[in-house]
C-alpha atoms as a PDB file:
ATOM      1  CA  MET A   1     -21.240 -52.939 -36.402  1.00  0.00           C
ATOM      2  CA  LYS A   2     -24.348 -51.195 -36.010  1.00  0.00           C
ATOM      3  CA  ALA A   3     -23.341 -49.461 -32.537  1.00  0.00           C
ATOM      4  CA  LEU A   4     -19.656 -48.501 -34.238  1.00  0.00           C
ATOM      5  CA  PHE A   5     -21.571 -46.883 -37.096  1.00  0.00           C
ATOM      6  CA  ILE A   6     -23.696 -44.778 -34.662  1.00  0.00           C
ATOM      7  CA  ILE A   7     -20.472 -43.708 -32.661  1.00  0.00           C
ATOM      8  CA  ILE A   8     -18.787 -42.310 -35.848  1.00  0.00           C
ATOM      9  CA  ALA A   9     -22.094 -40.941 -37.240  1.00  0.00           C
ATOM     10  CA  MET A  10     -22.519 -38.794 -33.466  1.00  0.00           C
ATOM     11  CA  THR A  11     -18.835 -37.862 -33.865  1.00  0.00           C
ATOM     12  CA  ASP A  12     -19.107 -36.612 -36.854  1.00  0.00           C
ATOM     13  CA  LEU A  13     -22.016 -34.432 -36.214  1.00  0.00           C
ATOM     14  CA  SER A  14     -20.460 -33.166 -33.414  1.00  0.00           C
ATOM     15  CA  TYR A  15     -17.464 -32.126 -35.185  1.00  0.00           C
ATOM     16  CA  SER A  16     -19.651 -30.462 -37.730  1.00  0.00           C
ATOM     17  CA  CYS A  17     -21.347 -28.590 -34.950  1.00  0.00           C
ATOM     18  CA  LEU A  18     -18.000 -27.391 -33.837  1.00  0.00           C
ATOM     19  CA  ALA A  19     -16.367 -26.135 -36.970  1.00  0.00           C
ATOM     20  CA  GLN A  20     -19.221 -23.147 -37.635  1.00  0.00           C
ATOM     21  CA  ASN A  21     -18.282 -20.174 -39.202  1.00  0.00           C
ATOM     22  CA  ILE A  22     -17.584 -17.161 -37.022  1.00  0.00           C
ATOM     23  CA  GLN A  23     -18.114 -13.683 -38.206  1.00  0.00           C
ATOM     24  CA  GLN A  24     -16.164 -10.880 -37.186  1.00  0.00           C
ATOM     25  CA  PRO A  25     -18.165  -8.792 -35.061  1.00  0.00           C
ATOM     26  CA  ASP A  26     -18.609  -5.121 -36.832  1.00  0.00           C
ATOM     27  CA  ALA A  27     -18.496  -1.466 -35.237  1.00  0.00           C
ATOM     28  CA  ASP A  28     -21.824  -1.987 -33.863  1.00  0.00           C
ATOM     29  CA  TYR A  29     -20.784  -4.998 -31.363  1.00  0.00           C
ATOM     30  CA  TYR A  30     -17.741  -3.213 -30.119  1.00  0.00           C
ATOM     31  CA  LEU A  31     -19.545   0.257 -29.701  1.00  0.00           C
ATOM     32  CA  LYS A  32     -22.045  -1.091 -27.376  1.00  0.00           C
ATOM     33  CA  LYS A  33     -19.725  -3.374 -25.255  1.00  0.00           C
ATOM     34  CA  SER A  34     -17.518  -0.244 -24.989  1.00  0.00           C
ATOM     35  CA  LYS A  35     -20.505   1.537 -23.509  1.00  0.00           C
ATOM     36  CA  ASP A  36     -21.559  -1.889 -21.183  1.00  0.00           C
ATOM     37  CA  GLN A  37     -17.720  -1.868 -20.331  1.00  0.00           C
ATOM     38  CA  LYS A  38     -17.667   1.837 -19.485  1.00  0.00           C
ATOM     39  CA  THR A  39     -21.098   1.466 -17.439  1.00  0.00           C
ATOM     40  CA  ALA A  40     -19.494  -1.164 -15.315  1.00  0.00           C
ATOM     41  CA  ALA A  41     -16.621   0.481 -14.927  1.00  0.00           C
ATOM     42  CA  TYR A  42     -18.342   3.668 -13.481  1.00  0.00           C
ATOM     43  CA  VAL A  43     -20.168   0.991 -10.932  1.00  0.00           C
ATOM     44  CA  THR A  44     -17.456  -0.343  -9.678  1.00  0.00           C
ATOM     45  CA  LEU A  45     -15.742   2.929  -9.542  1.00  0.00           C
ATOM     46  CA  GLY A  46     -18.462   4.332  -7.058  1.00  0.00           C
ATOM     47  CA  CYS A  47     -18.709   0.704  -5.323  1.00  0.00           C
ATOM     48  CA  GLY A  48     -14.523   0.926  -4.563  1.00  0.00           C
ATOM     49  CA  ALA A  49     -14.872   4.586  -3.330  1.00  0.00           C
ATOM     50  CA  ALA A  50     -17.927   3.669  -1.130  1.00  0.00           C
ATOM     51  CA  THR A  51     -16.090   0.674   0.510  1.00  0.00           C
ATOM     52  CA  LEU A  52     -13.000   2.532   0.481  1.00  0.00           C
ATOM     53  CA  VAL A  53     -13.572   5.776   2.375  1.00  0.00           C
ATOM     54  CA  PRO A  54     -15.529   4.024   5.324  1.00  0.00           C
ATOM     55  CA  GLY A  55     -12.776   1.572   5.443  1.00  0.00           C
ATOM     56  CA  LEU A  56     -10.166   4.348   5.815  1.00  0.00           C
ATOM     57  CA  ILE A  57     -12.492   6.091   8.485  1.00  0.00           C
ATOM     58  CA  MET A  58     -12.545   2.771  10.682  1.00  0.00           C
ATOM     59  CA  VAL A  59      -8.876   2.167  10.459  1.00  0.00           C
ATOM     60  CA  SER A  60      -7.859   5.595  11.526  1.00  0.00           C
ATOM     61  CA  GLN A  61     -10.478   5.929  14.206  1.00  0.00           C
ATOM     62  CA  THR A  62      -8.966   3.035  16.155  1.00  0.00           C
ATOM     63  CA  GLY A  63      -6.957   4.254  18.651  1.00  0.00           C
ATOM     64  CA  PRO A  64      -2.637   3.893  19.456  1.00  0.00           C
ATOM     65  CA  GLY A  65      -0.930   1.168  21.062  1.00  0.00           C
ATOM     66  CA  TRP A  66      -1.674  -3.004  21.222  1.00  0.00           C
ATOM     67  CA  GLU A  67      -3.716  -3.071  23.920  1.00  0.00           C
ATOM     68  CA  THR A  68      -6.449  -0.360  23.256  1.00  0.00           C
ATOM     69  CA  VAL A  69      -7.243  -1.208  19.657  1.00  0.00           C
ATOM     70  CA  ASN A  70     -10.512  -2.437  18.766  1.00  0.00           C
ATOM     71  CA  TRP A  71      -9.774  -4.925  16.648  1.00  0.00           C
ATOM     72  CA  THR A  72     -13.064  -5.783  15.113  1.00  0.00           C
ATOM     73  CA  LYS A  73     -13.083  -2.180  13.419  1.00  0.00           C
ATOM     74  CA  ALA A  74      -9.513  -2.626  12.718  1.00  0.00           C
ATOM     75  CA  LEU A  75      -9.801  -5.543  10.633  1.00  0.00           C
ATOM     76  CA  GLY A  76     -13.185  -4.851   9.412  1.00  0.00           C
ATOM     77  CA  GLY A  77     -11.757  -1.365   8.450  1.00  0.00           C
ATOM     78  CA  SER A  78      -8.904  -3.226   6.721  1.00  0.00           C
ATOM     79  CA  GLY A  79     -10.840  -5.594   4.841  1.00  0.00           C
ATOM     80  CA  LEU A  80     -12.856  -2.858   3.096  1.00  0.00           C
ATOM     81  CA  ILE A  81      -9.964  -0.759   2.087  1.00  0.00           C
ATOM     82  CA  ILE A  82      -8.890  -4.078   0.665  1.00  0.00           C
ATOM     83  CA  LEU A  83     -12.194  -4.497  -0.750  1.00  0.00           C
ATOM     84  CA  GLY A  84     -12.581  -1.042  -2.156  1.00  0.00           C
ATOM     85  CA  THR A  85      -9.100  -0.880  -4.165  1.00  0.00           C
ATOM     86  CA  GLY A  86      -9.843  -4.065  -5.521  1.00  0.00           C
ATOM     87  CA  CYS A  87     -12.914  -2.332  -6.831  1.00  0.00           C
ATOM     88  CA  LEU A  88     -10.639   0.782  -8.271  1.00  0.00           C
ATOM     89  CA  VAL A  89      -7.972  -1.571  -9.976  1.00  0.00           C
ATOM     90  CA  ALA A  90     -10.740  -3.262 -11.867  1.00  0.00           C
ATOM     91  CA  SER A  91     -12.559  -0.263 -12.919  1.00  0.00           C
ATOM     92  CA  LEU A  92      -9.673   0.738 -14.123  1.00  0.00           C
ATOM     93  CA  VAL A  93      -8.986  -2.590 -16.086  1.00  0.00           C
ATOM     94  CA  LEU A  94     -12.896  -2.011 -17.659  1.00  0.00           C
ATOM     95  CA  PHE A  95     -11.773   1.698 -18.734  1.00  0.00           C
ATOM     96  CA  ILE A  96      -8.978   0.696 -20.351  1.00  0.00           C
ATOM     97  CA  GLN A  97     -10.781  -2.234 -22.275  1.00  0.00           C
ATOM     98  CA  SER A  98     -13.757   0.351 -22.895  1.00  0.00           C
ATOM     99  CA  ASP A  99     -10.932   2.585 -24.682  1.00  0.00           C
ATOM    100  CA  LYS A 100      -9.379  -0.207 -26.765  1.00  0.00           C
ATOM    101  CA  ASN A 101     -12.905  -1.328 -27.820  1.00  0.00           C
ATOM    102  CA  GLN A 102     -13.719   2.379 -28.492  1.00  0.00           C
ATOM    103  CA  ARG A 103     -10.401   2.591 -30.396  1.00  0.00           C
ATOM    104  CA  LYS A 104     -11.442  -0.481 -32.661  1.00  0.00           C
ATOM    105  CA  VAL A 105     -15.030   1.359 -33.740  1.00  0.00           C
ATOM    106  CA  ASN A 106     -13.021   4.607 -34.592  1.00  0.00           C
ATOM    107  CA  SER A 107     -10.499   2.654 -36.563  1.00  0.00           C
ATOM    108  CA  VAL A 108     -12.419   2.122 -39.717  1.00  0.00           C
ATOM    109  CA  THR A 109     -15.697   3.894 -40.316  1.00  0.00           C
ATOM    110  CA  LEU A 110     -17.712   4.147 -43.368  1.00  0.00           C
ATOM    111  CA  GLN A 111     -19.685   7.319 -43.907  1.00  0.00           C
ATOM    112  CA  LEU A 112     -22.606   7.941 -46.300  1.00  0.00           C
ATOM    113  CA  ASN A 113     -22.663  11.716 -46.602  1.00  0.00           C
ATOM    114  CA  LYS A 114     -25.413  14.222 -48.360  1.00  0.00           C
ATOM    115  CA  ALA A 115     -25.253  16.009 -51.503  1.00  0.00           C
ATOM    116  CA  VAL A 116     -21.357  17.360 -52.162  1.00  0.00           C
ATOM    117  CA  PRO A 117     -20.401  19.776 -54.734  1.00  0.00           C
ATOM    118  CA  VAL A 118     -17.431  18.815 -57.255  1.00  0.00           C
ATOM    119  CA  ASN A 119     -15.575  21.274 -59.276  1.00  0.00           C
ATOM    120  CA  THR A 120     -14.634  19.887 -62.376  1.00  0.00           C
ATOM    121  CA  GLY A 121     -13.043  22.949 -64.117  1.00  0.00           C
ATOM    122  CA  LEU A 122     -15.560  23.372 -66.262  1.00  0.00           C
ATOM    123  CA  GLN A 123     -18.911  23.336 -64.605  1.00  0.00           C
ATOM    124  CA  LYS A 124     -19.560  22.767 -60.455  1.00  0.00           C
ATOM    125  CA  ILE A 125     -22.049  19.670 -60.286  1.00  0.00           C
ATOM    126  CA  THR A 126     -23.219  18.364 -57.398  1.00  0.00           C
ATOM    127  CA  LEU A 127     -23.196  14.549 -56.683  1.00  0.00           C
ATOM    128  CA  PRO A 128     -26.481  13.463 -54.474  1.00  0.00           C
ATOM    129  CA  TYR A 129     -24.631  11.257 -51.913  1.00  0.00           C
ATOM    130  CA  SER A 130     -20.766  10.320 -51.277  1.00  0.00           C
ATOM    131  CA  ILE A 131     -19.226   7.560 -49.464  1.00  0.00           C
ATOM    132  CA  GLY A 132     -16.540   7.693 -47.638  1.00  0.00           C
ATOM    133  CA  LEU A 133     -13.947   5.701 -45.803  1.00  0.00           C
ATOM    134  CA  SER A 134     -11.729   6.679 -42.677  1.00  0.00           C
ATOM    135  CA  VAL A 135      -8.889   4.658 -41.396  1.00  0.00           C
ATOM    136  CA  ALA A 136      -6.844   6.001 -38.230  1.00  0.00           C
ATOM    137  CA  LEU A 137      -3.352   5.814 -38.550  1.00  0.00           C
ATOM    138  CA  ARG A 138      -1.616   5.174 -35.679  1.00  0.00           C
END
């Protein structure tokens, strides 16, 4: 009976740990994620170009005909071409995801502006601060 009670208590404890509240990420989270993805995209773009170009050079230096082909260069160059193309595709995916996260940041922003002059018709007054909300419409 005690073992059954301990098992039920542990199961209940583990379920309560899994049911924690998850807050919606804010604009700073998406902005940092966008910058990190853009940095990673540039790195993979550079790596893709750095492997694609030597692969193309290696393949282009192989002679015509099956008997005179240096298979080490040909297969190595083909491998570099495949690896470079994969890196270029990965960088393209990262650029697209970075742009999507940047759009999430720009979709709703809250601005706190300094003094704003307001003309009420009879007199002109200056409000010390104004708060603005901009929502991007698609």
